[in-house]
Amino acid sequence: MSSPKQDFQTAVDKAPSRTEREDAIDRLAEGGACDKLAIVVQMGGLDGPLRRRALNAMDDAGCRDLLRTLADDGGLDEPLQSDAESLLEG
């Protein structure tokens, strides 16, 4: 079993396959690693679909306070900003 630190590294590393990276994000959500998911969401060099998966994972993992901070801060790219606001409304 991998640790949250290992899952985070897998999620942000370009070497693993997309499936491995998505699985790592899912494991971060299952473990409630809200802070690590928030970092993935904010990483500019990461593919949009991976960042969106991490954003949705934050909602699934109950990271609503941190999700609200991201949405209120306005530091996300426009599509992610809108997605964050929609998740909070839903």
C-alpha atoms as a PDB file:
ATOM      1  CA  MET A   1       0.000   0.000   0.000  1.00  0.00           C
ATOM      2  CA  SER A   2       1.318   3.423  -0.900  1.00  0.00           C
ATOM      3  CA  SER A   3       1.530   6.440   1.355  1.00  0.00           C
ATOM      4  CA  PRO A   4      -0.097   9.812   0.636  1.00  0.00           C
ATOM      5  CA  LYS A   5       3.368  11.187  -0.113  1.00  0.00           C
ATOM      6  CA  GLN A   6       3.989   8.432  -2.686  1.00  0.00           C
ATOM      7  CA  ASP A   7       0.537   8.937  -4.207  1.00  0.00           C
ATOM      8  CA  PHE A   8       1.158  12.669  -4.496  1.00  0.00           C
ATOM      9  CA  GLN A   9       4.487  12.061  -6.224  1.00  0.00           C
ATOM     10  CA  THR A  10       2.838   9.625  -8.639  1.00  0.00           C
ATOM     11  CA  ALA A  11       0.042  12.095  -9.397  1.00  0.00           C
ATOM     12  CA  VAL A  12       2.387  14.945 -10.290  1.00  0.00           C
ATOM     13  CA  ASP A  13       5.162  12.943 -11.979  1.00  0.00           C
ATOM     14  CA  LYS A  14       4.957  12.740 -15.766  1.00  0.00           C
ATOM     15  CA  ALA A  15       6.613   9.296 -15.969  1.00  0.00           C
ATOM     16  CA  PRO A  16       3.733   7.103 -14.676  1.00  0.00           C
ATOM     17  CA  SER A  17       0.848   6.287 -16.997  1.00  0.00           C
ATOM     18  CA  ARG A  18      -2.274   8.417 -16.930  1.00  0.00           C
ATOM     19  CA  THR A  19      -4.160   5.557 -15.262  1.00  0.00           C
ATOM     20  CA  GLU A  20      -1.542   5.286 -12.519  1.00  0.00           C
ATOM     21  CA  ARG A  21      -1.734   9.024 -11.943  1.00  0.00           C
ATOM     22  CA  GLU A  22      -5.545   8.975 -11.805  1.00  0.00           C
ATOM     23  CA  ASP A  23      -5.455   6.034  -9.391  1.00  0.00           C
ATOM     24  CA  ALA A  24      -3.028   7.968  -7.180  1.00  0.00           C
ATOM     25  CA  ILE A  25      -5.444  10.919  -7.083  1.00  0.00           C
ATOM     26  CA  ASP A  26      -8.268   8.549  -6.171  1.00  0.00           C
ATOM     27  CA  ARG A  27      -6.181   7.098  -3.330  1.00  0.00           C
ATOM     28  CA  LEU A  28      -5.446  10.604  -2.045  1.00  0.00           C
ATOM     29  CA  ALA A  29      -9.196  11.216  -1.929  1.00  0.00           C
ATOM     30  CA  GLU A  30      -9.860   7.908  -0.174  1.00  0.00           C
ATOM     31  CA  GLY A  31      -7.251   8.850   2.420  1.00  0.00           C
ATOM     32  CA  GLY A  32      -8.679  12.335   2.899  1.00  0.00           C
ATOM     33  CA  ALA A  33      -5.438  14.024   1.812  1.00  0.00           C
ATOM     34  CA  CYS A  34      -7.141  17.372   1.183  1.00  0.00           C
ATOM     35  CA  ASP A  35      -3.958  19.447   1.275  1.00  0.00           C
ATOM     36  CA  LYS A  36      -2.225  17.266  -1.311  1.00  0.00           C
ATOM     37  CA  LEU A  37      -5.277  17.259  -3.574  1.00  0.00           C
ATOM     38  CA  ALA A  38      -5.424  21.066  -3.354  1.00  0.00           C
ATOM     39  CA  ILE A  39      -1.797  21.278  -4.475  1.00  0.00           C
ATOM     40  CA  VAL A  40      -2.548  19.043  -7.463  1.00  0.00           C
ATOM     41  CA  VAL A  41      -5.501  21.264  -8.394  1.00  0.00           C
ATOM     42  CA  GLN A  42      -3.314  24.373  -8.270  1.00  0.00           C
ATOM     43  CA  MET A  43      -0.346  22.977 -10.219  1.00  0.00           C
ATOM     44  CA  GLY A  44      -0.119  24.913 -13.457  1.00  0.00           C
ATOM     45  CA  GLY A  45       2.125  22.442 -15.290  1.00  0.00           C
ATOM     46  CA  LEU A  46      -0.298  19.555 -14.850  1.00  0.00           C
ATOM     47  CA  ASP A  47      -2.832  18.446 -17.456  1.00  0.00           C
ATOM     48  CA  GLY A  48      -6.278  19.979 -17.001  1.00  0.00           C
ATOM     49  CA  PRO A  49      -8.083  16.618 -16.741  1.00  0.00           C
ATOM     50  CA  LEU A  50      -5.827  15.534 -13.848  1.00  0.00           C
ATOM     51  CA  ARG A  51      -6.368  18.829 -12.066  1.00  0.00           C
ATOM     52  CA  ARG A  52     -10.136  18.509 -12.591  1.00  0.00           C
ATOM     53  CA  ARG A  53     -10.054  14.936 -11.251  1.00  0.00           C
ATOM     54  CA  ALA A  54      -8.283  16.208  -8.129  1.00  0.00           C
ATOM     55  CA  LEU A  55     -10.867  18.988  -7.776  1.00  0.00           C
ATOM     56  CA  ASN A  56     -13.736  16.500  -7.975  1.00  0.00           C
ATOM     57  CA  ALA A  57     -11.854  14.206  -5.590  1.00  0.00           C
ATOM     58  CA  MET A  58     -11.702  17.047  -3.066  1.00  0.00           C
ATOM     59  CA  ASP A  59     -15.480  17.236  -3.121  1.00  0.00           C
ATOM     60  CA  ASP A  60     -15.806  13.453  -2.808  1.00  0.00           C
ATOM     61  CA  ALA A  61     -13.327  13.361   0.081  1.00  0.00           C
ATOM     62  CA  GLY A  62     -15.205  15.980   2.088  1.00  0.00           C
ATOM     63  CA  CYS A  63     -12.611  18.711   1.626  1.00  0.00           C
ATOM     64  CA  ARG A  64     -15.279  21.381   1.255  1.00  0.00           C
ATOM     65  CA  ASP A  65     -13.591  23.968   3.495  1.00  0.00           C
ATOM     66  CA  LEU A  66     -10.401  23.830   1.451  1.00  0.00           C
ATOM     67  CA  LEU A  67     -12.429  23.655  -1.763  1.00  0.00           C
ATOM     68  CA  ARG A  68     -14.240  26.830  -0.690  1.00  0.00           C
ATOM     69  CA  THR A  69     -10.887  28.505  -0.028  1.00  0.00           C
ATOM     70  CA  LEU A  70      -9.730  27.617  -3.535  1.00  0.00           C
ATOM     71  CA  ALA A  71     -12.971  28.869  -5.059  1.00  0.00           C
ATOM     72  CA  ASP A  72     -12.973  32.114  -3.042  1.00  0.00           C
ATOM     73  CA  ASP A  73      -9.285  32.809  -3.616  1.00  0.00           C
ATOM     74  CA  GLY A  74      -9.791  33.014  -7.376  1.00  0.00           C
ATOM     75  CA  GLY A  75      -6.288  31.717  -8.068  1.00  0.00           C
ATOM     76  CA  LEU A  76      -7.482  28.885 -10.300  1.00  0.00           C
ATOM     77  CA  ASP A  77      -7.704  28.952 -14.091  1.00  0.00           C
ATOM     78  CA  GLU A  78     -11.168  29.970 -15.242  1.00  0.00           C
ATOM     79  CA  PRO A  79     -12.537  26.496 -16.092  1.00  0.00           C
ATOM     80  CA  LEU A  80     -11.376  25.093 -12.745  1.00  0.00           C
ATOM     81  CA  GLN A  81     -12.649  28.170 -10.916  1.00  0.00           C
ATOM     82  CA  SER A  82     -16.115  27.620 -12.394  1.00  0.00           C
ATOM     83  CA  ASP A  83     -15.981  23.910 -11.578  1.00  0.00           C
ATOM     84  CA  ALA A  84     -15.020  24.637  -7.967  1.00  0.00           C
ATOM     85  CA  GLU A  85     -17.907  27.083  -7.602  1.00  0.00           C
ATOM     86  CA  SER A  86     -20.328  24.568  -9.159  1.00  0.00           C
ATOM     87  CA  LEU A  87     -19.216  21.827  -6.776  1.00  0.00           C
ATOM     88  CA  LEU A  88     -19.893  24.107  -3.818  1.00  0.00           C
ATOM     89  CA  GLU A  89     -23.342  24.994  -5.112  1.00  0.00           C
ATOM     90  CA  GLY A  90     -24.320  21.370  -5.674  1.00  0.00           C
END
